[in-house]
Each structure stands twice: as structure tokens, then as C-alpha cells.
């Protein structure tokens, strides 16, 4: 009697896919986004390791070394007070990144809550919140930020608060438009039909489906917040000397641009590279999270 050999069938391992995992795969294949991510990580590491890689204090200098050109002793040269520009640029990364991230988190949180309320409840709630947004958007953002800081007083914290306030309508109107579309979807209708409360529908169904555009806008918004913080510092309304904020460094050194251009070049390059990094990552996230951009 012939023997029947039964071969063992190896189980097929299926790759579990999710929208976020797919977006990550698309993002890491985007070379420009990877370059932007590398720039951001580079500046974050500089900010974290600032006390260990800087040879001089950022707030003290020697007048005998004022406006010295780049050299082996001072890689980026010195400023008009004899302070090491390399040290101040690295410590400035701490301030700019903190301002950018915290300001965006504040504006995104407040704007998301207001946008959810306006879009979901509509009627007088929507009208009231939308009119406030319209009034705020009627002013140029930097002008409104200057007015807020002028009222509160020049300081880094007040500049951060002003940047967060002026950017609230950006996130509020974005979330409102998404909610107006999502609340007509079948899954929201089904949730209402089974008696689910408004808070649960908003935070368990509508908000998770709104996160992708909020993340993209927030990433790009960090770049905008860094520029706005530098602008306020340049005008003397943001960080105050001797804080090594990049905008303050540009403001303090603008009168020496002909005799010591390095004192302006390196803070300016730092702003440009940081903003470029966040813009590249934001564009990459937009392409990865937007279903219309996927094949």
C-alpha cells in the first residue's frame, strides 16, 4: 500500500497594513523629506548637546576679541561684544525650536477645539466662532502679534503666546471644514443612531479622522512660528538680550554687516536651514497622508 506523504504547509505571514504605516513607507521614500528630517534632527541634537559642545558661555565675551573673523578658536567668529557666535547659534537653536513647537501646540490645540465645536454644532456657535476667526484674519499675522506683545510687554514668553494666538484661526478653520464634511458621513449617522453622545462622536470618530491635515499644517506651522519669533526678536519685542535668539542676533549685528558679515550670516543660515527642514518634512507628510497623492 502506497504511503501518502503529507507536506507541512507553512503558515503565510500577512503583513498588517494601516494608513499610518503606509504613510510612513511613503514618507521614507521621499528623499527631500528625509533630508528635511535629517536637518531637523541635526538641530535638535545641537540644542540638546549645547552645554557639552560649546567652548564658551553664550552671554559673556571679551571686548578685545570683538568682531573677530572665523578662526580655529572661534569657528563662526565673534560678535560686537566679543561673544562666540558658534556658541550663541547653538544655544539659539534651543530657543527657536522651543518657541516653534510650543506655539504650534498651543495654537493647534485651541484651534482644533474651536473648529470641532463650530463645525459640529453649527448655528450660533459656528457663527460666533467663525466671526472671531474672520476678525483675527483681517489683520496681518505679524502685525497682530506685534500688537499683542506691545500690550503684554516684550519677552520671549509673550512672543510665544502671541504667535500661538495669531495662528489659532488657521487650525480652527481647517478643522471646521473637515468636521462639516465628516459629520455627514455614514459612520457618524450610525453612531448617532445607536445613541452615542456628542462628545464621544467628536473625540472618538471625527477627531481621529481629522488628525492627518492637522499634523501636516502643524509641521509647516513650526517653520512659520520660527520665522515669526525671529521677526519679533529682530524688532526687539521677542527674546531680550543677552538671550541668543537668532532674530535678536540679527538685530544686534545689522549695523556691523559690512565690517563683520559673519555675525549676520550664521544666524541667518540657521533660520533658513531650520525652516527649510520643517517645510520639506511638511511637504513630505502632505504627500504621504493625502489619499489623492497615493498610487
C-alpha atoms as a PDB file:
ATOM      1  CA  UNK A   1       0.000   0.000   0.000  1.00  0.00           C
ATOM      2  CA  UNK A   2       1.493   3.275  -1.110  1.00  0.00           C
ATOM      3  CA  UNK A   3       2.356   5.668   1.588  1.00  0.00           C
ATOM      4  CA  UNK A   4       0.974   9.145   1.240  1.00  0.00           C
ATOM      5  CA  UNK A   5       3.382  11.837   2.283  1.00  0.00           C
ATOM      6  CA  UNK A   6       1.747  14.905   3.695  1.00  0.00           C
ATOM      7  CA  UNK A   7       3.832  18.022   3.461  1.00  0.00           C
ATOM      8  CA  UNK A   8       3.553  20.570   6.177  1.00  0.00           C
ATOM      9  CA  UNK A   9       2.178  23.813   4.913  1.00  0.00           C
ATOM     10  CA  UNK A  10       3.990  26.791   6.296  1.00  0.00           C
ATOM     11  CA  UNK A  11       1.621  29.498   7.529  1.00  0.00           C
ATOM     12  CA  UNK A  12       1.644  32.555   5.367  1.00  0.00           C
ATOM     13  CA  UNK A  13       2.621  35.636   7.295  1.00  0.00           C
ATOM     14  CA  UNK A  14       0.477  38.515   6.198  1.00  0.00           C
ATOM     15  CA  UNK A  15       1.820  41.997   6.544  1.00  0.00           C
ATOM     16  CA  UNK A  16      -0.565  44.042   8.609  1.00  0.00           C
ATOM     17  CA  UNK A  17      -1.174  47.321   6.911  1.00  0.00           C
ATOM     18  CA  UNK A  18      -2.577  50.542   8.292  1.00  0.00           C
ATOM     19  CA  UNK A  19      -2.916  54.055   6.901  1.00  0.00           C
ATOM     20  CA  UNK A  20      -0.230  55.373   9.226  1.00  0.00           C
ATOM     21  CA  UNK A  21       2.206  52.567   8.364  1.00  0.00           C
ATOM     22  CA  UNK A  22       1.582  53.120   4.667  1.00  0.00           C
ATOM     23  CA  UNK A  23       2.147  56.844   5.120  1.00  0.00           C
ATOM     24  CA  UNK A  24       5.451  56.148   6.878  1.00  0.00           C
ATOM     25  CA  UNK A  25       6.608  53.958   3.987  1.00  0.00           C
ATOM     26  CA  UNK A  26       5.747  56.697   1.502  1.00  0.00           C
ATOM     27  CA  UNK A  27       7.461  59.317   3.650  1.00  0.00           C
ATOM     28  CA  UNK A  28      10.784  57.497   3.953  1.00  0.00           C
ATOM     29  CA  UNK A  29      10.855  57.008   0.177  1.00  0.00           C
ATOM     30  CA  UNK A  30      10.635  60.775  -0.272  1.00  0.00           C
ATOM     31  CA  UNK A  31      14.274  61.873  -0.494  1.00  0.00           C
ATOM     32  CA  UNK A  32      13.566  65.548   0.159  1.00  0.00           C
ATOM     33  CA  UNK A  33      11.522  64.682   3.254  1.00  0.00           C
ATOM     34  CA  UNK A  34      14.369  62.514   4.537  1.00  0.00           C
ATOM     35  CA  UNK A  35      16.793  65.407   4.002  1.00  0.00           C
ATOM     36  CA  UNK A  36      14.438  67.725   5.894  1.00  0.00           C
ATOM     37  CA  UNK A  37      14.114  65.197   8.702  1.00  0.00           C
ATOM     38  CA  UNK A  38      17.908  64.973   8.890  1.00  0.00           C
ATOM     39  CA  UNK A  39      18.189  68.770   9.175  1.00  0.00           C
ATOM     40  CA  UNK A  40      15.634  68.831  12.000  1.00  0.00           C
ATOM     41  CA  UNK A  41      17.349  66.007  13.895  1.00  0.00           C
ATOM     42  CA  UNK A  42      20.697  67.770  13.456  1.00  0.00           C
ATOM     43  CA  UNK A  43      19.439  70.985  15.042  1.00  0.00           C
ATOM     44  CA  UNK A  44      17.646  69.075  17.804  1.00  0.00           C
ATOM     45  CA  UNK A  45      20.889  67.283  18.682  1.00  0.00           C
ATOM     46  CA  UNK A  46      22.756  70.590  18.671  1.00  0.00           C
ATOM     47  CA  UNK A  47      20.172  72.062  21.033  1.00  0.00           C
ATOM     48  CA  UNK A  48      20.291  69.085  23.403  1.00  0.00           C
ATOM     49  CA  UNK A  49      24.079  68.829  23.437  1.00  0.00           C
ATOM     50  CA  UNK A  50      24.724  72.591  23.600  1.00  0.00           C
ATOM     51  CA  UNK A  51      26.293  72.550  27.107  1.00  0.00           C
ATOM     52  CA  UNK A  52      28.736  69.799  26.053  1.00  0.00           C
ATOM     53  CA  UNK A  53      29.882  71.016  22.628  1.00  0.00           C
ATOM     54  CA  UNK A  54      30.190  74.768  23.191  1.00  0.00           C
ATOM     55  CA  UNK A  55      33.551  76.012  24.458  1.00  0.00           C
ATOM     56  CA  UNK A  56      32.380  79.423  25.707  1.00  0.00           C
ATOM     57  CA  UNK A  57      29.453  80.901  27.664  1.00  0.00           C
ATOM     58  CA  UNK A  58      26.830  82.366  25.352  1.00  0.00           C
ATOM     59  CA  UNK A  59      26.321  85.554  27.388  1.00  0.00           C
ATOM     60  CA  UNK A  60      29.908  86.580  28.149  1.00  0.00           C
ATOM     61  CA  UNK A  61      32.653  87.814  25.882  1.00  0.00           C
ATOM     62  CA  UNK A  62      35.892  89.727  25.805  1.00  0.00           C
ATOM     63  CA  UNK A  63      35.938  93.139  24.164  1.00  0.00           C
ATOM     64  CA  UNK A  64      39.473  92.545  22.939  1.00  0.00           C
ATOM     65  CA  UNK A  65      38.017  89.780  20.731  1.00  0.00           C
ATOM     66  CA  UNK A  66      35.093  91.777  19.322  1.00  0.00           C
ATOM     67  CA  UNK A  67      34.158  91.214  15.662  1.00  0.00           C
ATOM     68  CA  UNK A  68      36.905  88.646  15.111  1.00  0.00           C
ATOM     69  CA  UNK A  69      36.561  86.659  11.842  1.00  0.00           C
ATOM     70  CA  UNK A  70      36.061  82.867  11.876  1.00  0.00           C
ATOM     71  CA  UNK A  71      39.149  81.019  13.053  1.00  0.00           C
ATOM     72  CA  UNK A  72      40.220  77.797  14.720  1.00  0.00           C
ATOM     73  CA  UNK A  73      39.500  79.381  18.099  1.00  0.00           C
ATOM     74  CA  UNK A  74      36.117  80.848  17.132  1.00  0.00           C
ATOM     75  CA  UNK A  75      34.602  78.787  14.311  1.00  0.00           C
ATOM     76  CA  UNK A  76      31.901  81.334  13.445  1.00  0.00           C
ATOM     77  CA  UNK A  77      33.831  84.372  14.628  1.00  0.00           C
ATOM     78  CA  UNK A  78      32.772  86.734  17.401  1.00  0.00           C
ATOM     79  CA  UNK A  79      30.161  89.484  17.671  1.00  0.00           C
ATOM     80  CA  UNK A  80      30.431  93.135  18.704  1.00  0.00           C
ATOM     81  CA  UNK A  81      30.734  92.126  22.380  1.00  0.00           C
ATOM     82  CA  UNK A  82      33.402  89.516  21.759  1.00  0.00           C
ATOM     83  CA  UNK A  83      30.987  86.618  22.314  1.00  0.00           C
ATOM     84  CA  UNK A  84      31.481  83.373  20.410  1.00  0.00           C
ATOM     85  CA  UNK A  85      28.892  83.237  17.611  1.00  0.00           C
ATOM     86  CA  UNK A  86      29.106  79.440  17.284  1.00  0.00           C
ATOM     87  CA  UNK A  87      28.074  79.069  20.920  1.00  0.00           C
ATOM     88  CA  UNK A  88      25.249  81.577  20.575  1.00  0.00           C
ATOM     89  CA  UNK A  89      23.914  79.960  17.391  1.00  0.00           C
ATOM     90  CA  UNK A  90      23.758  76.543  19.073  1.00  0.00           C
ATOM     91  CA  UNK A  91      22.011  77.901  22.164  1.00  0.00           C
ATOM     92  CA  UNK A  92      19.726  79.838  19.843  1.00  0.00           C
ATOM     93  CA  UNK A  93      18.531  76.514  18.431  1.00  0.00           C
ATOM     94  CA  UNK A  94      17.092  75.699  21.869  1.00  0.00           C
ATOM     95  CA  UNK A  95      15.054  78.898  21.900  1.00  0.00           C
ATOM     96  CA  UNK A  96      13.819  78.758  18.307  1.00  0.00           C
ATOM     97  CA  UNK A  97      12.804  75.097  18.422  1.00  0.00           C
ATOM     98  CA  UNK A  98      11.070  75.531  21.777  1.00  0.00           C
ATOM     99  CA  UNK A  99       9.161  78.577  20.583  1.00  0.00           C
ATOM    100  CA  UNK A 100       8.168  76.899  17.319  1.00  0.00           C
ATOM    101  CA  UNK A 101       6.948  73.652  18.883  1.00  0.00           C
ATOM    102  CA  UNK A 102       5.164  75.144  21.897  1.00  0.00           C
ATOM    103  CA  UNK A 103       3.492  77.906  19.894  1.00  0.00           C
ATOM    104  CA  UNK A 104       2.187  75.407  17.340  1.00  0.00           C
ATOM    105  CA  UNK A 105       0.985  73.022  20.047  1.00  0.00           C
ATOM    106  CA  UNK A 106      -0.927  75.839  21.726  1.00  0.00           C
ATOM    107  CA  UNK A 107      -2.499  77.198  18.550  1.00  0.00           C
ATOM    108  CA  UNK A 108      -3.283  73.718  17.199  1.00  0.00           C
ATOM    109  CA  UNK A 109      -4.947  72.637  20.451  1.00  0.00           C
ATOM    110  CA  UNK A 110      -7.088  75.767  20.791  1.00  0.00           C
ATOM    111  CA  UNK A 111      -7.891  75.921  17.076  1.00  0.00           C
ATOM    112  CA  UNK A 112      -8.847  72.238  16.942  1.00  0.00           C
ATOM    113  CA  UNK A 113     -11.250  72.527  19.886  1.00  0.00           C
ATOM    114  CA  UNK A 114     -12.897  75.652  18.457  1.00  0.00           C
ATOM    115  CA  UNK A 115     -13.079  74.139  14.984  1.00  0.00           C
ATOM    116  CA  UNK A 116     -14.695  70.967  16.327  1.00  0.00           C
ATOM    117  CA  UNK A 117     -17.334  72.958  18.196  1.00  0.00           C
ATOM    118  CA  UNK A 118     -18.061  75.275  15.263  1.00  0.00           C
ATOM    119  CA  UNK A 119     -18.271  72.518  12.673  1.00  0.00           C
ATOM    120  CA  UNK A 120     -20.244  70.002  14.732  1.00  0.00           C
ATOM    121  CA  UNK A 121     -22.821  72.204  16.431  1.00  0.00           C
ATOM    122  CA  UNK A 122     -23.193  74.876  13.737  1.00  0.00           C
ATOM    123  CA  UNK A 123     -25.832  77.615  14.097  1.00  0.00           C
ATOM    124  CA  UNK A 124     -24.941  80.387  16.558  1.00  0.00           C
ATOM    125  CA  UNK A 125     -21.854  78.525  17.828  1.00  0.00           C
ATOM    126  CA  UNK A 126     -20.446  78.347  14.320  1.00  0.00           C
ATOM    127  CA  UNK A 127     -21.400  81.944  13.582  1.00  0.00           C
ATOM    128  CA  UNK A 128     -19.756  83.299  16.743  1.00  0.00           C
ATOM    129  CA  UNK A 129     -16.506  81.351  16.378  1.00  0.00           C
ATOM    130  CA  UNK A 130     -16.259  81.992  12.636  1.00  0.00           C
ATOM    131  CA  UNK A 131     -16.730  85.736  13.069  1.00  0.00           C
ATOM    132  CA  UNK A 132     -13.924  85.825  15.652  1.00  0.00           C
ATOM    133  CA  UNK A 133     -11.699  83.969  13.193  1.00  0.00           C
ATOM    134  CA  UNK A 134     -12.623  86.410  10.413  1.00  0.00           C
ATOM    135  CA  UNK A 135     -11.725  89.394  12.590  1.00  0.00           C
ATOM    136  CA  UNK A 136      -8.355  87.891  13.510  1.00  0.00           C
ATOM    137  CA  UNK A 137      -7.581  87.004   9.894  1.00  0.00           C
ATOM    138  CA  UNK A 138      -8.361  90.554   8.816  1.00  0.00           C
ATOM    139  CA  UNK A 139      -5.018  91.619  10.325  1.00  0.00           C
ATOM    140  CA  UNK A 140      -1.601  90.506   9.046  1.00  0.00           C
ATOM    141  CA  UNK A 141      -0.327  87.866  11.455  1.00  0.00           C
ATOM    142  CA  UNK A 142       2.921  89.645  12.299  1.00  0.00           C
ATOM    143  CA  UNK A 143       1.065  92.933  12.880  1.00  0.00           C
ATOM    144  CA  UNK A 144      -1.388  91.246  15.244  1.00  0.00           C
ATOM    145  CA  UNK A 145       1.498  89.535  17.052  1.00  0.00           C
ATOM    146  CA  UNK A 146       3.271  92.883  17.437  1.00  0.00           C
ATOM    147  CA  UNK A 147       0.103  94.409  18.907  1.00  0.00           C
ATOM    148  CA  UNK A 148      -0.298  91.562  21.412  1.00  0.00           C
ATOM    149  CA  UNK A 149       3.331  91.724  22.534  1.00  0.00           C
ATOM    150  CA  UNK A 150       3.132  95.519  22.789  1.00  0.00           C
ATOM    151  CA  UNK A 151       0.206  95.123  25.188  1.00  0.00           C
ATOM    152  CA  UNK A 152       1.722  92.293  27.240  1.00  0.00           C
ATOM    153  CA  UNK A 153       5.305  93.566  27.174  1.00  0.00           C
ATOM    154  CA  UNK A 154       8.415  92.419  25.290  1.00  0.00           C
ATOM    155  CA  UNK A 155       9.593  88.965  26.366  1.00  0.00           C
ATOM    156  CA  UNK A 156      10.148  85.531  24.901  1.00  0.00           C
ATOM    157  CA  UNK A 157       7.119  84.018  26.653  1.00  0.00           C
ATOM    158  CA  UNK A 158       4.818  86.804  25.497  1.00  0.00           C
ATOM    159  CA  UNK A 159       6.128  86.438  21.945  1.00  0.00           C
ATOM    160  CA  UNK A 160       5.395  82.715  22.106  1.00  0.00           C
ATOM    161  CA  UNK A 161       1.874  83.412  23.369  1.00  0.00           C
ATOM    162  CA  UNK A 162       1.285  85.996  20.644  1.00  0.00           C
ATOM    163  CA  UNK A 163       2.422  83.597  17.912  1.00  0.00           C
ATOM    164  CA  UNK A 164       0.105  80.908  19.284  1.00  0.00           C
ATOM    165  CA  UNK A 165      -2.877  83.277  19.377  1.00  0.00           C
ATOM    166  CA  UNK A 166      -2.481  84.640  15.842  1.00  0.00           C
ATOM    167  CA  UNK A 167      -2.300  81.135  14.376  1.00  0.00           C
ATOM    168  CA  UNK A 168      -5.434  79.777  16.072  1.00  0.00           C
ATOM    169  CA  UNK A 169      -7.739  80.670  13.133  1.00  0.00           C
ATOM    170  CA  UNK A 170      -5.569  78.653  10.736  1.00  0.00           C
ATOM    171  CA  UNK A 171      -6.255  75.417  12.603  1.00  0.00           C
ATOM    172  CA  UNK A 172      -9.805  76.382  13.575  1.00  0.00           C
ATOM    173  CA  UNK A 173     -10.974  76.953  10.013  1.00  0.00           C
ATOM    174  CA  UNK A 174      -9.164  73.830   8.791  1.00  0.00           C
ATOM    175  CA  UNK A 175     -10.801  71.600  11.415  1.00  0.00           C
ATOM    176  CA  UNK A 176     -14.195  73.229  10.916  1.00  0.00           C
ATOM    177  CA  UNK A 177     -14.164  72.433   7.193  1.00  0.00           C
ATOM    178  CA  UNK A 178     -13.211  68.814   7.908  1.00  0.00           C
ATOM    179  CA  UNK A 179     -15.930  68.409  10.544  1.00  0.00           C
ATOM    180  CA  UNK A 180     -18.597  69.820   8.208  1.00  0.00           C
ATOM    181  CA  UNK A 181     -17.748  67.049   5.755  1.00  0.00           C
ATOM    182  CA  UNK A 182     -17.269  64.221   8.250  1.00  0.00           C
ATOM    183  CA  UNK A 183     -20.466  64.753  10.224  1.00  0.00           C
ATOM    184  CA  UNK A 184     -22.446  63.879   7.079  1.00  0.00           C
ATOM    185  CA  UNK A 185     -20.687  60.520   6.718  1.00  0.00           C
ATOM    186  CA  UNK A 186     -22.470  57.225   7.389  1.00  0.00           C
ATOM    187  CA  UNK A 187     -20.325  56.246  10.375  1.00  0.00           C
ATOM    188  CA  UNK A 188     -21.340  59.426  12.226  1.00  0.00           C
ATOM    189  CA  UNK A 189     -25.005  58.852  11.370  1.00  0.00           C
ATOM    190  CA  UNK A 190     -24.718  55.280  12.636  1.00  0.00           C
ATOM    191  CA  UNK A 191     -23.101  56.482  15.874  1.00  0.00           C
ATOM    192  CA  UNK A 192     -25.988  58.874  16.455  1.00  0.00           C
ATOM    193  CA  UNK A 193     -28.494  56.111  15.669  1.00  0.00           C
ATOM    194  CA  UNK A 194     -27.180  53.871  18.447  1.00  0.00           C
ATOM    195  CA  UNK A 195     -27.418  56.727  20.940  1.00  0.00           C
ATOM    196  CA  UNK A 196     -23.771  57.733  21.160  1.00  0.00           C
ATOM    197  CA  UNK A 197     -23.207  61.122  22.821  1.00  0.00           C
ATOM    198  CA  UNK A 198     -21.815  64.164  21.083  1.00  0.00           C
ATOM    199  CA  UNK A 199     -18.529  64.139  22.998  1.00  0.00           C
ATOM    200  CA  UNK A 200     -17.864  60.511  22.109  1.00  0.00           C
ATOM    201  CA  UNK A 201     -18.698  61.094  18.445  1.00  0.00           C
ATOM    202  CA  UNK A 202     -16.425  64.135  18.289  1.00  0.00           C
ATOM    203  CA  UNK A 203     -13.392  62.674  20.066  1.00  0.00           C
ATOM    204  CA  UNK A 204     -13.660  59.021  19.019  1.00  0.00           C
ATOM    205  CA  UNK A 205     -14.853  59.323  15.427  1.00  0.00           C
ATOM    206  CA  UNK A 206     -14.429  62.815  13.996  1.00  0.00           C
ATOM    207  CA  UNK A 207     -11.163  63.913  15.623  1.00  0.00           C
ATOM    208  CA  UNK A 208      -9.129  60.796  14.682  1.00  0.00           C
ATOM    209  CA  UNK A 209     -10.170  61.273  11.050  1.00  0.00           C
ATOM    210  CA  UNK A 210      -9.023  64.908  11.200  1.00  0.00           C
ATOM    211  CA  UNK A 211      -5.507  64.302  12.516  1.00  0.00           C
ATOM    212  CA  UNK A 212      -3.681  63.942   9.186  1.00  0.00           C
ATOM    213  CA  UNK A 213      -4.237  67.505   7.893  1.00  0.00           C
ATOM    214  CA  UNK A 214      -3.680  68.906  11.397  1.00  0.00           C
ATOM    215  CA  UNK A 215      -0.281  67.173  11.581  1.00  0.00           C
ATOM    216  CA  UNK A 216       0.727  68.453   8.144  1.00  0.00           C
ATOM    217  CA  UNK A 217      -0.367  72.005   8.946  1.00  0.00           C
ATOM    218  CA  UNK A 218       1.348  71.858  12.324  1.00  0.00           C
ATOM    219  CA  UNK A 219       4.658  70.724  10.827  1.00  0.00           C
ATOM    220  CA  UNK A 220       4.600  73.576   8.335  1.00  0.00           C
ATOM    221  CA  UNK A 221       3.402  75.886  11.110  1.00  0.00           C
ATOM    222  CA  UNK A 222       6.548  75.268  13.164  1.00  0.00           C
ATOM    223  CA  UNK A 223       8.589  76.802  10.349  1.00  0.00           C
ATOM    224  CA  UNK A 224       6.259  79.815  10.273  1.00  0.00           C
ATOM    225  CA  UNK A 225       6.433  80.190  14.065  1.00  0.00           C
ATOM    226  CA  UNK A 226      10.245  80.186  13.988  1.00  0.00           C
ATOM    227  CA  UNK A 227      10.224  82.979  11.395  1.00  0.00           C
ATOM    228  CA  UNK A 228       7.673  84.980  13.380  1.00  0.00           C
ATOM    229  CA  UNK A 229       9.691  84.559  16.581  1.00  0.00           C
ATOM    230  CA  UNK A 230      12.817  85.748  14.765  1.00  0.00           C
ATOM    231  CA  UNK A 231      10.885  88.734  13.371  1.00  0.00           C
ATOM    232  CA  UNK A 232       9.638  89.731  16.828  1.00  0.00           C
ATOM    233  CA  UNK A 233      13.142  89.313  18.228  1.00  0.00           C
ATOM    234  CA  UNK A 234      14.542  91.444  15.423  1.00  0.00           C
ATOM    235  CA  UNK A 235      12.048  94.179  16.313  1.00  0.00           C
ATOM    236  CA  UNK A 236      13.016  93.995  19.985  1.00  0.00           C
ATOM    237  CA  UNK A 237       9.656  92.527  21.038  1.00  0.00           C
ATOM    238  CA  UNK A 238      10.651  88.888  21.483  1.00  0.00           C
ATOM    239  CA  UNK A 239      13.616  87.450  23.330  1.00  0.00           C
ATOM    240  CA  UNK A 240      15.666  90.094  25.095  1.00  0.00           C
ATOM    241  CA  UNK A 241      19.476  90.378  25.184  1.00  0.00           C
ATOM    242  CA  UNK A 242      21.610  88.581  26.138  1.00  0.00           C
ATOM    243  CA  UNK A 243      19.377  85.651  25.122  1.00  0.00           C
ATOM    244  CA  UNK A 244      20.938  84.122  21.987  1.00  0.00           C
ATOM    245  CA  UNK A 245      17.780  84.060  19.891  1.00  0.00           C
ATOM    246  CA  UNK A 246      18.564  84.135  16.174  1.00  0.00           C
ATOM    247  CA  UNK A 247      16.364  87.154  15.437  1.00  0.00           C
ATOM    248  CA  UNK A 248      17.965  89.100  18.290  1.00  0.00           C
ATOM    249  CA  UNK A 249      21.411  88.185  16.958  1.00  0.00           C
ATOM    250  CA  UNK A 250      20.477  89.552  13.543  1.00  0.00           C
ATOM    251  CA  UNK A 251      19.126  92.745  15.078  1.00  0.00           C
ATOM    252  CA  UNK A 252      22.201  93.322  17.239  1.00  0.00           C
ATOM    253  CA  UNK A 253      24.626  92.717  14.367  1.00  0.00           C
ATOM    254  CA  UNK A 254      22.906  94.518  11.497  1.00  0.00           C
ATOM    255  CA  UNK A 255      24.977  97.668  11.955  1.00  0.00           C
ATOM    256  CA  UNK A 256      28.179  95.609  11.649  1.00  0.00           C
ATOM    257  CA  UNK A 257      27.163  93.791   8.484  1.00  0.00           C
ATOM    258  CA  UNK A 258      29.859  95.487   6.380  1.00  0.00           C
ATOM    259  CA  UNK A 259      32.704  95.032   8.865  1.00  0.00           C
ATOM    260  CA  UNK A 260      31.676  91.672  10.370  1.00  0.00           C
ATOM    261  CA  UNK A 261      29.285  89.928   7.958  1.00  0.00           C
ATOM    262  CA  UNK A 262      29.797  86.573   9.690  1.00  0.00           C
ATOM    263  CA  UNK A 263      27.819  87.868  12.681  1.00  0.00           C
ATOM    264  CA  UNK A 264      24.746  88.047  10.421  1.00  0.00           C
ATOM    265  CA  UNK A 265      25.416  85.166   8.031  1.00  0.00           C
ATOM    266  CA  UNK A 266      25.456  82.310  10.537  1.00  0.00           C
ATOM    267  CA  UNK A 267      22.245  83.184  12.453  1.00  0.00           C
ATOM    268  CA  UNK A 268      20.531  83.817   9.110  1.00  0.00           C
ATOM    269  CA  UNK A 269      21.688  80.460   7.746  1.00  0.00           C
ATOM    270  CA  UNK A 270      20.437  78.739  10.900  1.00  0.00           C
ATOM    271  CA  UNK A 271      16.967  80.222  10.446  1.00  0.00           C
ATOM    272  CA  UNK A 272      16.945  79.304   6.753  1.00  0.00           C
ATOM    273  CA  UNK A 273      18.049  75.683   7.293  1.00  0.00           C
ATOM    274  CA  UNK A 274      15.658  75.044  10.183  1.00  0.00           C
ATOM    275  CA  UNK A 275      12.699  76.465   8.281  1.00  0.00           C
ATOM    276  CA  UNK A 276      13.736  74.516   5.173  1.00  0.00           C
ATOM    277  CA  UNK A 277      13.860  71.292   7.173  1.00  0.00           C
ATOM    278  CA  UNK A 278      10.338  71.675   8.548  1.00  0.00           C
ATOM    279  CA  UNK A 279       8.991  72.717   5.139  1.00  0.00           C
ATOM    280  CA  UNK A 280      10.488  69.647   3.452  1.00  0.00           C
ATOM    281  CA  UNK A 281       9.084  67.320   6.115  1.00  0.00           C
ATOM    282  CA  UNK A 282       5.707  69.070   5.947  1.00  0.00           C
ATOM    283  CA  UNK A 283       5.550  68.651   2.171  1.00  0.00           C
ATOM    284  CA  UNK A 284       6.514  65.007   2.545  1.00  0.00           C
ATOM    285  CA  UNK A 285       3.825  64.416   5.164  1.00  0.00           C
ATOM    286  CA  UNK A 286       1.246  66.093   2.930  1.00  0.00           C
ATOM    287  CA  UNK A 287       2.123  63.753   0.061  1.00  0.00           C
ATOM    288  CA  UNK A 288       2.128  60.705   2.352  1.00  0.00           C
ATOM    289  CA  UNK A 289      -1.116  61.439   4.215  1.00  0.00           C
ATOM    290  CA  UNK A 290      -3.181  62.796   1.316  1.00  0.00           C
ATOM    291  CA  UNK A 291      -5.064  59.874  -0.298  1.00  0.00           C
ATOM    292  CA  UNK A 292      -5.178  61.747  -3.618  1.00  0.00           C
ATOM    293  CA  UNK A 293      -1.364  61.652  -3.798  1.00  0.00           C
ATOM    294  CA  UNK A 294      -1.150  57.861  -3.370  1.00  0.00           C
ATOM    295  CA  UNK A 295      -0.968  55.391  -6.250  1.00  0.00           C
END
